[in-house]
Amino acid sequence: MRITLRSLLLTSAFIAAAAFTTRTATAETLRVPFEFTLYGKTLPAGLYNVHRDIGAELITMEGPERHEIFTWMLVPGDANPSSNAVKMSFTKDGSQYALHTIQYRAYTTFALDKNKSKHSTVRYVSGQ
């Protein structure tokens, strides 16, 4: 087989294009029927979009008005690797809910509420 300058250039271009291709993300929309806190900030009830960056194992949550965007690292969480669950779990302190974790299929975030040891998870919101 003879290697030509043209084949080398085409191969190099293909490799460069593959390296700069954006990673596909999968998304879910979850309806949260109550306001909740996250890092001391109160977020409104509404539709929250949860996007997963497959290549980097990151998850991003966008608020109803798209003014609030949060990103966290995902870690293996569900013992069932074929799980399709996408849900947010909340803890409750008095009348106030706090976002505890986000589960995205077989992955989850670390605990997001700082008082995680004082309260147990009391409410789940699943994807549509």
N, C-alpha and C. Protein backbone atom coordinates (compact mmCIF):
# COMPACT_ATOMS: atom_id res chain seq x y z
N MET A 1 0.84 -1.17 0.00
CA MET A 1 0.00 0.00 0.00
C MET A 1 0.89 1.24 0.00
N ARG A 2 0.55 2.16 -0.84
CA ARG A 2 1.33 3.38 -0.98
C ARG A 2 0.66 4.52 -0.23
N ILE A 3 1.40 5.18 0.64
CA ILE A 3 0.88 6.32 1.39
C ILE A 3 1.20 7.59 0.61
N THR A 4 0.18 8.34 0.33
CA THR A 4 0.38 9.58 -0.41
C THR A 4 0.17 10.77 0.51
N LEU A 5 0.64 11.90 0.04
CA LEU A 5 0.46 13.14 0.79
C LEU A 5 -1.03 13.44 0.97
N ARG A 6 -1.81 13.14 -0.05
CA ARG A 6 -3.25 13.38 0.02
C ARG A 6 -3.89 12.54 1.12
N SER A 7 -3.54 11.27 1.22
CA SER A 7 -4.13 10.41 2.25
C SER A 7 -3.68 10.84 3.65
N LEU A 8 -2.45 11.29 3.79
CA LEU A 8 -1.98 11.80 5.08
C LEU A 8 -2.75 13.05 5.49
N LEU A 9 -2.98 13.95 4.55
CA LEU A 9 -3.72 15.17 4.85
C LEU A 9 -5.18 14.86 5.22
N LEU A 10 -5.81 13.95 4.49
CA LEU A 10 -7.19 13.58 4.79
C LEU A 10 -7.31 12.91 6.15
N THR A 11 -6.36 12.04 6.47
CA THR A 11 -6.37 11.37 7.76
C THR A 11 -6.18 12.38 8.89
N SER A 12 -5.25 13.31 8.71
CA SER A 12 -5.02 14.35 9.72
C SER A 12 -6.25 15.22 9.92
N ALA A 13 -6.91 15.57 8.83
CA ALA A 13 -8.12 16.40 8.92
C ALA A 13 -9.24 15.65 9.64
N PHE A 14 -9.38 14.37 9.37
CA PHE A 14 -10.40 13.56 10.02
C PHE A 14 -10.15 13.47 11.53
N ILE A 15 -8.91 13.24 11.93
CA ILE A 15 -8.55 13.15 13.35
C ILE A 15 -8.79 14.49 14.04
N ALA A 16 -8.43 15.58 13.41
CA ALA A 16 -8.64 16.90 14.00
C ALA A 16 -10.13 17.19 14.16
N ALA A 17 -10.93 16.84 13.17
CA ALA A 17 -12.38 17.07 13.25
C ALA A 17 -12.99 16.25 14.37
N ALA A 18 -12.55 15.03 14.52
CA ALA A 18 -13.07 14.17 15.59
C ALA A 18 -12.70 14.72 16.96
N ALA A 19 -11.54 15.29 17.10
CA ALA A 19 -11.09 15.82 18.38
C ALA A 19 -11.90 17.05 18.79
N PHE A 20 -12.36 17.83 17.84
CA PHE A 20 -13.09 19.06 18.15
C PHE A 20 -14.61 18.91 18.08
N THR A 21 -15.09 17.72 17.81
CA THR A 21 -16.53 17.50 17.78
C THR A 21 -17.08 17.61 19.18
N THR A 22 -18.20 18.33 19.34
CA THR A 22 -18.78 18.48 20.67
C THR A 22 -19.38 17.15 21.12
N ARG A 23 -19.31 16.94 22.41
CA ARG A 23 -19.87 15.72 22.97
C ARG A 23 -21.38 15.85 23.03
N THR A 24 -22.05 14.78 22.72
CA THR A 24 -23.50 14.83 22.77
C THR A 24 -23.96 14.81 24.22
N ALA A 25 -25.02 15.49 24.49
CA ALA A 25 -25.58 15.53 25.83
C ALA A 25 -27.01 15.01 25.77
N THR A 26 -27.43 14.38 26.84
CA THR A 26 -28.80 13.95 26.94
C THR A 26 -29.48 14.83 27.98
N ALA A 27 -30.77 15.07 27.80
CA ALA A 27 -31.47 16.00 28.68
C ALA A 27 -32.81 15.44 29.13
N GLU A 28 -33.24 15.89 30.28
CA GLU A 28 -34.55 15.56 30.85
C GLU A 28 -35.14 16.84 31.44
N THR A 29 -36.46 16.91 31.47
CA THR A 29 -37.14 18.02 32.12
C THR A 29 -37.90 17.48 33.32
N LEU A 30 -37.69 18.12 34.46
CA LEU A 30 -38.37 17.71 35.69
C LEU A 30 -39.22 18.86 36.20
N ARG A 31 -40.45 18.57 36.61
CA ARG A 31 -41.35 19.58 37.16
C ARG A 31 -41.25 19.52 38.68
N VAL A 32 -40.79 20.62 39.27
CA VAL A 32 -40.69 20.72 40.72
C VAL A 32 -41.88 21.58 41.17
N PRO A 33 -42.82 21.01 41.94
CA PRO A 33 -44.04 21.74 42.29
C PRO A 33 -43.92 22.66 43.50
N PHE A 34 -42.73 22.85 44.02
CA PHE A 34 -42.54 23.68 45.21
C PHE A 34 -41.21 24.41 45.09
N GLU A 35 -41.06 25.52 45.82
CA GLU A 35 -39.77 26.20 45.84
C GLU A 35 -38.83 25.44 46.76
N PHE A 36 -37.53 25.60 46.52
CA PHE A 36 -36.53 24.88 47.31
C PHE A 36 -35.26 25.71 47.38
N THR A 37 -34.39 25.32 48.28
CA THR A 37 -33.12 26.03 48.41
C THR A 37 -31.99 25.19 47.84
N LEU A 38 -30.98 25.91 47.39
CA LEU A 38 -29.75 25.30 46.90
C LEU A 38 -28.63 26.28 47.20
N TYR A 39 -27.68 25.88 48.01
CA TYR A 39 -26.56 26.73 48.42
C TYR A 39 -27.05 28.04 49.05
N GLY A 40 -28.13 27.94 49.82
CA GLY A 40 -28.65 29.10 50.53
C GLY A 40 -29.53 30.01 49.69
N LYS A 41 -29.74 29.69 48.44
CA LYS A 41 -30.56 30.50 47.54
C LYS A 41 -31.89 29.80 47.30
N THR A 42 -32.99 30.55 47.34
CA THR A 42 -34.31 29.97 47.10
C THR A 42 -34.59 29.97 45.60
N LEU A 43 -34.92 28.79 45.08
CA LEU A 43 -35.26 28.64 43.67
C LEU A 43 -36.76 28.38 43.54
N PRO A 44 -37.40 28.90 42.48
CA PRO A 44 -38.84 28.79 42.36
C PRO A 44 -39.30 27.41 41.88
N ALA A 45 -40.58 27.14 42.10
CA ALA A 45 -41.20 25.95 41.51
C ALA A 45 -41.19 26.14 39.99
N GLY A 46 -41.19 25.04 39.26
CA GLY A 46 -41.23 25.14 37.80
C GLY A 46 -40.53 23.98 37.13
N LEU A 47 -40.30 24.13 35.83
CA LEU A 47 -39.63 23.10 35.04
C LEU A 47 -38.12 23.32 35.07
N TYR A 48 -37.41 22.28 35.42
CA TYR A 48 -35.94 22.33 35.47
C TYR A 48 -35.39 21.36 34.44
N ASN A 49 -34.51 21.86 33.58
CA ASN A 49 -33.85 21.01 32.59
C ASN A 49 -32.55 20.49 33.18
N VAL A 50 -32.36 19.19 33.04
CA VAL A 50 -31.16 18.53 33.54
C VAL A 50 -30.46 17.92 32.33
N HIS A 51 -29.24 18.37 32.05
CA HIS A 51 -28.46 17.90 30.91
C HIS A 51 -27.25 17.13 31.42
N ARG A 52 -26.96 16.04 30.77
CA ARG A 52 -25.77 15.27 31.12
C ARG A 52 -24.78 15.33 29.98
N ASP A 53 -23.55 15.73 30.29
CA ASP A 53 -22.46 15.70 29.32
C ASP A 53 -21.84 14.31 29.42
N ILE A 54 -22.06 13.50 28.43
CA ILE A 54 -21.67 12.10 28.48
C ILE A 54 -20.16 11.91 28.61
N GLY A 55 -19.38 12.69 27.90
CA GLY A 55 -17.94 12.50 27.92
C GLY A 55 -17.26 12.93 29.20
N ALA A 56 -17.77 13.96 29.85
CA ALA A 56 -17.10 14.51 31.02
C ALA A 56 -17.75 14.09 32.33
N GLU A 57 -18.84 13.33 32.27
CA GLU A 57 -19.57 12.92 33.47
C GLU A 57 -19.97 14.12 34.31
N LEU A 58 -20.50 15.14 33.65
CA LEU A 58 -21.00 16.33 34.32
C LEU A 58 -22.51 16.41 34.11
N ILE A 59 -23.19 17.04 35.06
CA ILE A 59 -24.61 17.27 34.93
C ILE A 59 -24.86 18.75 35.17
N THR A 60 -25.74 19.33 34.36
CA THR A 60 -26.09 20.73 34.48
C THR A 60 -27.59 20.86 34.68
N MET A 61 -27.97 21.68 35.64
CA MET A 61 -29.38 21.95 35.90
C MET A 61 -29.65 23.41 35.59
N GLU A 62 -30.67 23.64 34.75
CA GLU A 62 -31.08 25.00 34.40
C GLU A 62 -32.44 25.26 35.01
N GLY A 63 -32.57 26.44 35.64
CA GLY A 63 -33.83 26.81 36.27
C GLY A 63 -34.89 27.21 35.27
N PRO A 64 -36.12 27.45 35.76
CA PRO A 64 -37.26 27.75 34.88
C PRO A 64 -37.05 28.97 34.00
N GLU A 65 -36.36 29.96 34.48
CA GLU A 65 -36.16 31.19 33.71
C GLU A 65 -34.82 31.17 32.97
N ARG A 66 -34.06 30.11 33.10
CA ARG A 66 -32.72 29.97 32.51
C ARG A 66 -31.71 30.95 33.10
N HIS A 67 -32.09 31.63 34.21
CA HIS A 67 -31.16 32.54 34.86
C HIS A 67 -30.24 31.77 35.80
N GLU A 68 -30.72 30.65 36.28
CA GLU A 68 -29.96 29.84 37.24
C GLU A 68 -29.42 28.60 36.53
N ILE A 69 -28.10 28.45 36.52
CA ILE A 69 -27.47 27.28 35.91
C ILE A 69 -26.43 26.75 36.90
N PHE A 70 -26.53 25.47 37.21
CA PHE A 70 -25.61 24.82 38.15
C PHE A 70 -25.03 23.59 37.47
N THR A 71 -23.76 23.30 37.74
CA THR A 71 -23.10 22.13 37.17
C THR A 71 -22.39 21.36 38.27
N TRP A 72 -22.54 20.03 38.23
CA TRP A 72 -21.89 19.16 39.20
C TRP A 72 -21.28 17.95 38.50
N MET A 73 -20.38 17.30 39.20
CA MET A 73 -19.79 16.06 38.74
C MET A 73 -20.72 14.90 39.09
N LEU A 74 -20.78 13.91 38.23
CA LEU A 74 -21.56 12.71 38.50
C LEU A 74 -20.64 11.58 38.93
N VAL A 75 -21.16 10.74 39.82
CA VAL A 75 -20.44 9.55 40.26
C VAL A 75 -21.38 8.36 40.14
N PRO A 76 -20.87 7.14 40.03
CA PRO A 76 -21.76 5.98 40.00
C PRO A 76 -22.64 5.97 41.24
N GLY A 77 -23.94 5.72 41.05
CA GLY A 77 -24.82 5.80 42.20
C GLY A 77 -25.84 4.68 42.29
N ASP A 78 -26.43 4.30 41.18
CA ASP A 78 -27.47 3.28 41.19
C ASP A 78 -26.82 1.93 40.90
N ALA A 79 -27.18 0.94 41.67
CA ALA A 79 -26.60 -0.39 41.47
C ALA A 79 -27.03 -1.01 40.15
N ASN A 80 -28.08 -0.47 39.54
CA ASN A 80 -28.58 -0.99 38.27
C ASN A 80 -28.04 -0.14 37.13
N PRO A 81 -27.04 -0.61 36.39
CA PRO A 81 -26.44 0.20 35.33
C PRO A 81 -27.39 0.50 34.18
N SER A 82 -28.49 -0.22 34.06
CA SER A 82 -29.45 0.06 32.98
C SER A 82 -30.61 0.93 33.46
N SER A 83 -30.48 1.52 34.63
CA SER A 83 -31.53 2.37 35.19
C SER A 83 -31.83 3.55 34.27
N ASN A 84 -33.10 3.87 34.10
CA ASN A 84 -33.51 5.02 33.31
C ASN A 84 -34.02 6.16 34.17
N ALA A 85 -33.90 6.04 35.49
CA ALA A 85 -34.44 7.04 36.39
C ALA A 85 -33.67 8.35 36.30
N VAL A 86 -34.42 9.43 36.23
CA VAL A 86 -33.86 10.76 36.35
C VAL A 86 -34.72 11.44 37.39
N LYS A 87 -34.11 11.74 38.54
CA LYS A 87 -34.91 12.33 39.60
C LYS A 87 -34.08 13.22 40.50
N MET A 88 -34.78 14.14 41.14
CA MET A 88 -34.20 15.03 42.12
C MET A 88 -34.73 14.59 43.47
N SER A 89 -33.87 14.54 44.47
CA SER A 89 -34.34 14.21 45.82
C SER A 89 -34.14 15.44 46.70
N PHE A 90 -35.08 15.62 47.62
CA PHE A 90 -35.10 16.80 48.47
C PHE A 90 -35.17 16.39 49.93
N THR A 91 -34.59 17.21 50.79
CA THR A 91 -34.76 17.07 52.23
C THR A 91 -35.68 18.20 52.68
N LYS A 92 -36.27 18.03 53.85
CA LYS A 92 -37.19 19.05 54.35
C LYS A 92 -36.78 19.44 55.76
N ASP A 93 -36.70 20.74 55.99
CA ASP A 93 -36.40 21.29 57.31
C ASP A 93 -37.51 22.29 57.61
N GLY A 94 -38.43 21.91 58.48
CA GLY A 94 -39.61 22.73 58.73
C GLY A 94 -40.50 22.72 57.50
N SER A 95 -40.73 23.88 56.92
CA SER A 95 -41.56 23.95 55.71
C SER A 95 -40.72 24.15 54.45
N GLN A 96 -39.41 24.17 54.58
CA GLN A 96 -38.52 24.46 53.46
C GLN A 96 -37.86 23.19 52.92
N TYR A 97 -37.92 23.02 51.60
CA TYR A 97 -37.23 21.91 50.95
C TYR A 97 -35.86 22.36 50.49
N ALA A 98 -34.91 21.42 50.48
CA ALA A 98 -33.56 21.68 49.96
C ALA A 98 -33.21 20.55 49.00
N LEU A 99 -32.60 20.91 47.86
CA LEU A 99 -32.18 19.90 46.90
C LEU A 99 -31.06 19.07 47.52
N HIS A 100 -31.26 17.76 47.55
CA HIS A 100 -30.27 16.87 48.17
C HIS A 100 -29.35 16.25 47.13
N THR A 101 -29.92 15.60 46.12
CA THR A 101 -29.13 14.99 45.05
C THR A 101 -29.92 15.01 43.75
N ILE A 102 -29.21 14.81 42.66
CA ILE A 102 -29.84 14.56 41.36
C ILE A 102 -29.31 13.22 40.87
N GLN A 103 -30.23 12.32 40.57
CA GLN A 103 -29.84 11.03 40.00
C GLN A 103 -30.10 11.09 38.50
N TYR A 104 -29.11 10.73 37.72
CA TYR A 104 -29.26 10.67 36.27
C TYR A 104 -28.92 9.26 35.83
N ARG A 105 -29.95 8.47 35.65
CA ARG A 105 -29.84 7.06 35.30
C ARG A 105 -29.00 6.34 36.37
N ALA A 106 -27.88 5.75 36.04
CA ALA A 106 -27.10 5.00 37.02
C ALA A 106 -26.07 5.87 37.74
N TYR A 107 -26.14 7.19 37.56
CA TYR A 107 -25.19 8.11 38.18
C TYR A 107 -25.92 9.08 39.10
N THR A 108 -25.17 9.70 40.01
CA THR A 108 -25.76 10.66 40.93
C THR A 108 -24.74 11.73 41.28
N THR A 109 -25.25 12.83 41.83
CA THR A 109 -24.37 13.87 42.36
C THR A 109 -24.04 13.52 43.81
N PHE A 110 -23.02 14.14 44.35
CA PHE A 110 -22.79 14.06 45.79
C PHE A 110 -23.92 14.83 46.47
N ALA A 111 -24.04 14.72 47.78
CA ALA A 111 -25.06 15.47 48.52
C ALA A 111 -24.84 16.97 48.30
N LEU A 112 -25.90 17.67 47.93
CA LEU A 112 -25.81 19.10 47.62
C LEU A 112 -26.21 20.00 48.77
N ASP A 113 -26.94 19.45 49.74
CA ASP A 113 -27.35 20.26 50.89
C ASP A 113 -26.35 20.08 52.02
N LYS A 114 -25.99 21.17 52.65
CA LYS A 114 -24.93 21.10 53.66
C LYS A 114 -25.38 20.45 54.95
N ASN A 115 -26.67 20.34 55.21
CA ASN A 115 -27.16 19.73 56.45
C ASN A 115 -27.61 18.29 56.21
N LYS A 116 -26.95 17.60 55.31
CA LYS A 116 -27.37 16.27 54.91
C LYS A 116 -27.43 15.26 56.06
N SER A 117 -26.62 15.44 57.08
CA SER A 117 -26.61 14.46 58.17
C SER A 117 -27.78 14.66 59.13
N LYS A 118 -28.39 15.86 59.14
CA LYS A 118 -29.46 16.15 60.07
C LYS A 118 -30.84 15.72 59.57
N HIS A 119 -31.00 15.58 58.26
CA HIS A 119 -32.32 15.34 57.70
C HIS A 119 -32.28 14.15 56.75
N SER A 120 -33.40 13.48 56.62
CA SER A 120 -33.47 12.39 55.66
C SER A 120 -34.20 12.86 54.42
N THR A 121 -33.97 12.18 53.32
CA THR A 121 -34.63 12.52 52.06
C THR A 121 -36.12 12.24 52.22
N VAL A 122 -36.93 13.24 51.84
CA VAL A 122 -38.35 13.09 52.05
C VAL A 122 -39.20 13.21 50.80
N ARG A 123 -38.63 13.68 49.69
CA ARG A 123 -39.44 13.87 48.51
C ARG A 123 -38.61 13.68 47.25
N TYR A 124 -39.21 13.03 46.24
CA TYR A 124 -38.56 12.81 44.96
C TYR A 124 -39.38 13.46 43.87
N VAL A 125 -38.70 13.97 42.85
CA VAL A 125 -39.35 14.49 41.65
C VAL A 125 -38.70 13.75 40.49
N SER A 126 -39.50 13.04 39.70
CA SER A 126 -38.97 12.25 38.59
C SER A 126 -39.17 12.97 37.27
N GLY A 127 -38.36 12.60 36.28
CA GLY A 127 -38.45 13.17 34.95
C GLY A 127 -39.76 12.84 34.28
N GLN A 128 -40.10 13.66 33.29
CA GLN A 128 -41.38 13.51 32.58
C GLN A 128 -41.28 12.42 31.53
